[in-house]
Amino acid sequence: MRNHHSSPHDHAADGPDARPTSPPHSSATGLSLAADGLQLVTDDTTFEPGTLVDWAFRILDADGTPIDTFDDSHGQLSHLIIVRRDLIEFQHLHPRLGDDGTWYAERLVLPSPGVYRAFVDVVIDGRATTLGLDLFAAGEFAVDETWDSTTRVKTDGYEIERQVDRIDADESALLSFTVRRADGTIPDLDPYLGARGHLVALRRGDLAYLHVHPRAETQREGVVEFDVTFPTPGDYRVFLQTKPDSHLITAPFDVDIDQ
């Protein structure tokens, strides 16, 4: 079984048929553990909360063979997003790929009891695919039903402000965020996975998944912007990740999408 891991330069634009290295994720995905002729499988779905584990999974093709060939996607061969289903816990990880096609998320921890959704985001032969399955951390827990349209979030000594505009479903919208230090000054945003930031949007209710990358042309200090199309009306929680002053932060925002 061949084992070629594409680099960011493997699919350079040599002609009209050249494949992009990081295709956009333009629709809601992650609702199934099987899609596009692929299937996500694991031997372990139940965890002790707060306990570090090395979690293994595989992505199988239509014949049931583990795939060991993945394209580069923003500097990584995969993105593993784990959220509790009430959206109060969020992790963005980059598992290690073994020679036999097994992925290893080393020192993974589900911090509190509850039901979690794991999204595996990969690119295979130029095609972006997101697969998802549920993980369980045993124990009693209270569901967090707090929900309010959010415009400002404070985290790790920074304040992040979201531009407030009406956003309609199934239409391209601009999400713009400005990052400030606690004293009001604007920090430099260092590259994170080759860009100013990344955004994961999850639809409340079924956790339909959107993974969005920022506008490359945005040059204003402390600002990161995304072109996003939300597929349906409803409530979405978006998790912004950006890197002011070389410090990675994650900021959740609740966004109402109109008809």
Protein backbone atom coordinates (compact mmCIF):
# COMPACT_ATOMS: atom_id res chain seq x y z
CA MET A 1 0.00 0.00 0.00
CA ARG A 2 1.66 3.23 -1.13
CA ASN A 3 2.22 5.93 1.45
CA HIS A 4 2.62 9.36 -0.14
CA HIS A 5 1.87 12.44 1.94
CA SER A 6 1.37 15.46 -0.31
CA SER A 7 3.26 18.64 0.50
CA PRO A 8 1.90 22.16 0.00
CA HIS A 9 3.77 22.26 -3.32
CA ASP A 10 2.62 18.92 -4.73
CA HIS A 11 -0.34 20.47 -6.59
CA ALA A 12 1.14 23.69 -7.90
CA ALA A 13 -0.89 25.37 -10.60
CA ASP A 14 0.85 23.88 -13.64
CA GLY A 15 -2.23 24.04 -15.86
CA PRO A 16 -6.01 24.27 -15.95
CA ASP A 17 -6.40 20.75 -14.57
CA ALA A 18 -4.09 21.26 -11.59
CA ARG A 19 -5.73 20.42 -8.25
CA PRO A 20 -5.92 22.98 -5.46
CA THR A 21 -3.99 22.12 -2.31
CA SER A 22 -6.77 23.32 0.01
CA PRO A 23 -10.23 23.29 -1.55
CA PRO A 24 -12.86 25.38 0.20
CA HIS A 25 -15.45 23.83 2.49
CA SER A 26 -18.47 25.55 0.97
CA SER A 27 -21.36 23.56 2.44
CA ALA A 28 -22.43 22.14 5.79
CA THR A 29 -20.89 18.72 6.37
CA GLY A 30 -19.90 16.37 9.19
CA LEU A 31 -23.39 14.95 9.76
CA SER A 32 -22.38 11.38 8.86
CA LEU A 33 -19.52 9.00 9.54
CA ALA A 34 -19.69 7.91 5.88
CA ALA A 35 -19.65 10.19 2.83
CA ASP A 36 -18.00 10.48 -0.60
CA GLY A 37 -17.17 6.76 -0.59
CA LEU A 38 -15.27 7.13 2.70
CA GLN A 39 -15.99 5.91 6.23
CA LEU A 40 -14.63 7.00 9.61
CA VAL A 41 -14.00 4.10 12.02
CA THR A 42 -12.59 3.80 15.53
CA ASP A 43 -12.46 1.15 18.24
CA ASP A 44 -13.01 3.63 21.08
CA THR A 45 -15.93 6.01 21.54
CA THR A 46 -16.25 6.07 25.36
CA PHE A 47 -13.82 7.98 27.59
CA GLU A 48 -13.24 8.85 31.21
CA PRO A 49 -13.64 12.63 31.53
CA GLY A 50 -10.43 14.45 32.29
CA THR A 51 -8.22 11.46 31.42
CA LEU A 52 -5.52 11.71 28.75
CA VAL A 53 -5.70 9.01 26.07
CA ASP A 54 -4.10 8.25 22.72
CA TRP A 55 -7.11 7.97 20.44
CA ALA A 56 -6.80 6.11 17.13
CA PHE A 57 -9.07 6.16 14.10
CA ARG A 58 -8.96 5.31 10.40
CA ILE A 59 -10.59 6.49 7.21
CA LEU A 60 -11.60 3.61 4.94
CA ASP A 61 -12.30 3.63 1.22
CA ALA A 62 -15.27 1.92 -0.43
CA ASP A 63 -13.45 -1.43 -0.26
CA GLY A 64 -12.79 -1.11 3.48
CA THR A 65 -9.08 -0.39 3.04
CA PRO A 66 -7.48 2.28 5.26
CA ILE A 67 -6.43 5.30 3.22
CA ASP A 68 -2.84 6.40 3.75
CA THR A 69 -2.61 9.16 1.13
CA PHE A 70 -3.83 12.65 2.05
CA ASP A 71 -3.32 16.08 0.54
CA ASP A 72 -1.96 19.00 2.50
CA SER A 73 -4.74 21.18 3.89
CA HIS A 74 -3.45 24.48 5.29
CA GLY A 75 -0.21 22.97 6.49
CA GLN A 76 -1.70 19.78 7.96
CA LEU A 77 -2.85 16.41 6.66
CA SER A 78 -5.97 16.48 8.82
CA HIS A 79 -7.93 18.70 11.17
CA LEU A 80 -9.73 17.09 14.10
CA ILE A 81 -12.42 19.28 15.66
CA ILE A 82 -14.05 18.05 18.89
CA VAL A 83 -16.99 19.86 20.51
CA ARG A 84 -19.41 18.93 23.23
CA ARG A 85 -22.88 18.75 21.72
CA ASP A 86 -24.11 21.74 23.75
CA LEU A 87 -21.15 23.65 22.24
CA ILE A 88 -19.38 24.63 25.47
CA GLU A 89 -16.16 22.69 24.78
CA PHE A 90 -14.04 23.10 21.63
CA GLN A 91 -10.74 21.57 20.50
CA HIS A 92 -8.87 21.86 17.20
CA LEU A 93 -6.20 19.16 16.89
CA HIS A 94 -3.88 17.76 14.23
CA PRO A 95 -3.45 14.00 14.61
CA ARG A 96 -0.39 12.08 13.47
CA LEU A 97 -0.72 9.69 10.53
CA GLY A 98 0.90 6.25 10.83
CA ASP A 99 2.32 4.32 7.90
CA ASP A 100 -0.63 1.92 7.91
CA GLY A 101 -3.27 4.65 7.57
CA THR A 102 -4.07 4.86 11.28
CA TRP A 103 -4.43 8.35 12.72
CA TYR A 104 -3.33 9.05 16.30
CA ALA A 105 -4.70 11.92 18.39
CA GLU A 106 -2.14 11.80 21.16
CA ARG A 107 -2.96 12.94 24.70
CA LEU A 108 -6.59 13.63 23.83
CA VAL A 109 -8.83 14.55 26.75
CA LEU A 110 -12.57 15.09 26.99
CA PRO A 111 -12.56 17.54 29.90
CA SER A 112 -16.07 17.02 31.29
CA PRO A 113 -18.89 14.46 31.11
CA GLY A 114 -21.17 14.69 28.09
CA VAL A 115 -21.68 13.74 24.46
CA TYR A 116 -19.11 15.10 22.03
CA ARG A 117 -18.95 15.31 18.25
CA ALA A 118 -15.65 14.57 16.52
CA PHE A 119 -15.19 16.01 13.01
CA VAL A 120 -12.34 14.74 10.84
CA ASP A 121 -11.55 17.21 8.08
CA VAL A 122 -9.31 15.89 5.24
CA VAL A 123 -8.52 16.40 1.56
CA ILE A 124 -8.08 13.31 -0.63
CA ASP A 125 -7.22 13.61 -4.32
CA GLY A 126 -8.13 17.30 -4.23
CA ARG A 127 -11.56 16.69 -2.68
CA ALA A 128 -12.38 18.07 0.76
CA THR A 129 -14.41 15.75 3.00
CA THR A 130 -15.57 16.04 6.60
CA LEU A 131 -16.73 12.95 8.51
CA GLY A 132 -18.18 12.96 12.01
CA LEU A 133 -19.06 10.62 14.86
CA ASP A 134 -20.08 10.91 18.51
CA LEU A 135 -17.82 10.33 21.52
CA PHE A 136 -19.01 9.85 25.08
CA ALA A 137 -17.52 10.92 28.40
CA ALA A 138 -19.28 9.11 31.23
CA GLY A 139 -20.87 10.95 34.14
CA GLU A 140 -23.66 13.34 35.03
CA PHE A 141 -23.73 16.69 33.31
CA ALA A 142 -26.01 19.68 32.89
CA VAL A 143 -26.80 20.85 29.38
CA ASP A 144 -25.79 24.46 28.76
CA GLU A 145 -28.67 26.14 26.92
CA THR A 146 -27.26 29.67 27.10
CA TRP A 147 -27.67 31.36 23.74
CA ASP A 148 -27.46 34.99 22.73
CA SER A 149 -26.24 36.80 19.64
CA THR A 150 -22.67 37.73 20.55
CA THR A 151 -20.71 40.77 19.39
CA ARG A 152 -17.84 40.91 21.91
CA VAL A 153 -15.84 38.15 23.58
CA LYS A 154 -13.02 38.49 26.12
CA THR A 155 -10.47 35.71 26.37
CA ASP A 156 -6.85 35.34 27.50
CA GLY A 157 -6.36 39.09 27.91
CA TYR A 158 -7.84 40.06 24.54
CA GLU A 159 -11.19 41.48 23.44
CA ILE A 160 -12.54 40.37 20.09
CA GLU A 161 -15.35 42.37 18.49
CA ARG A 162 -17.56 41.09 15.66
CA GLN A 163 -18.97 43.42 13.05
CA VAL A 164 -22.77 43.33 13.33
CA ASP A 165 -24.67 43.08 10.04
CA ARG A 166 -27.78 41.20 8.99
CA ILE A 167 -26.83 37.78 7.67
CA ASP A 168 -29.24 35.90 5.41
CA ALA A 169 -29.20 32.17 4.80
CA ASP A 170 -27.79 30.83 1.54
CA GLU A 171 -26.12 34.15 0.70
CA SER A 172 -22.44 35.04 0.96
CA ALA A 173 -21.80 37.18 4.04
CA LEU A 174 -18.76 38.90 5.48
CA LEU A 175 -17.79 38.09 9.06
CA SER A 176 -15.24 40.62 10.31
CA PHE A 177 -13.47 40.43 13.68
CA THR A 178 -11.19 42.97 15.34
CA VAL A 179 -8.76 41.86 18.06
CA ARG A 180 -7.58 44.25 20.79
CA ARG A 181 -5.42 43.88 23.84
CA ALA A 182 -6.93 44.63 27.26
CA ASP A 183 -5.49 48.17 27.07
CA GLY A 184 -7.22 48.81 23.74
CA THR A 185 -4.11 48.58 21.55
CA ILE A 186 -4.12 46.49 18.38
CA PRO A 187 -1.82 43.44 18.26
CA ASP A 188 -0.16 41.87 15.27
CA LEU A 189 -1.94 38.71 14.14
CA ASP A 190 0.69 36.07 13.51
CA PRO A 191 0.02 33.30 10.98
CA TYR A 192 -1.91 30.31 12.27
CA LEU A 193 -1.86 27.39 9.82
CA GLY A 194 -0.66 29.81 7.18
CA ALA A 195 -3.41 32.42 7.63
CA ARG A 196 -4.60 35.18 9.95
CA GLY A 197 -7.20 32.93 11.49
CA HIS A 198 -9.65 30.09 11.03
CA LEU A 199 -13.35 29.80 11.68
CA VAL A 200 -15.49 26.76 12.47
CA ALA A 201 -19.27 27.28 12.40
CA LEU A 202 -21.68 24.74 13.90
CA ARG A 203 -25.46 24.84 13.48
CA ARG A 204 -27.32 24.51 16.75
CA GLY A 205 -29.45 21.38 16.86
CA ASP A 206 -27.60 19.02 14.52
CA LEU A 207 -24.03 20.45 14.55
CA ALA A 208 -23.81 20.79 10.76
CA TYR A 209 -20.22 21.87 10.21
CA LEU A 210 -18.57 24.66 8.21
CA HIS A 211 -14.78 25.18 8.21
CA VAL A 212 -13.92 28.60 6.77
CA HIS A 213 -10.60 30.22 5.96
CA PRO A 214 -10.04 33.98 5.91
CA ARG A 215 -9.72 36.56 3.19
CA ALA A 216 -6.07 36.66 2.22
CA GLU A 217 -6.31 40.26 1.06
CA THR A 218 -7.34 41.69 4.45
CA GLN A 219 -4.41 43.83 5.60
CA ARG A 220 -5.85 45.98 8.40
CA GLU A 221 -4.03 45.53 11.69
CA GLY A 222 -5.80 43.26 14.17
CA VAL A 223 -8.57 42.37 11.71
CA VAL A 224 -9.46 38.96 10.28
CA GLU A 225 -12.34 38.54 7.82
CA PHE A 226 -14.22 35.58 6.40
CA ASP A 227 -16.60 35.08 3.49
CA VAL A 228 -19.21 32.63 4.78
CA THR A 229 -22.41 31.16 3.34
CA PHE A 230 -24.68 29.75 6.05
CA PRO A 231 -26.89 27.12 4.37
CA THR A 232 -30.08 27.60 6.41
CA PRO A 233 -31.67 30.06 8.85
CA GLY A 234 -31.14 29.40 12.54
CA ASP A 235 -28.61 29.69 15.32
CA TYR A 236 -24.93 28.99 14.75
CA ARG A 237 -22.00 29.10 17.11
CA VAL A 238 -18.78 30.13 15.39
CA PHE A 239 -15.37 29.50 16.91
CA LEU A 240 -12.75 32.00 15.80
CA GLN A 241 -9.11 31.00 16.18
CA THR A 242 -6.40 33.59 15.68
CA LYS A 243 -2.92 34.29 17.00
CA PRO A 244 -2.29 37.78 18.43
CA ASP A 245 1.24 38.35 19.74
CA SER A 246 2.11 34.71 18.89
CA HIS A 247 -0.57 33.52 21.39
CA LEU A 248 -3.29 31.25 19.98
CA ILE A 249 -6.77 32.15 21.24
CA THR A 250 -10.22 30.69 20.61
CA ALA A 251 -13.30 32.93 20.80
CA PRO A 252 -16.88 31.61 20.48
CA PHE A 253 -19.62 33.81 19.02
CA ASP A 254 -23.36 33.09 18.67
CA VAL A 255 -24.73 34.22 15.32
CA ASP A 256 -28.41 34.44 14.25
CA ILE A 257 -28.99 33.69 10.58
CA ASP A 258 -32.13 35.14 9.01
CA GLN A 259 -34.43 33.67 6.37
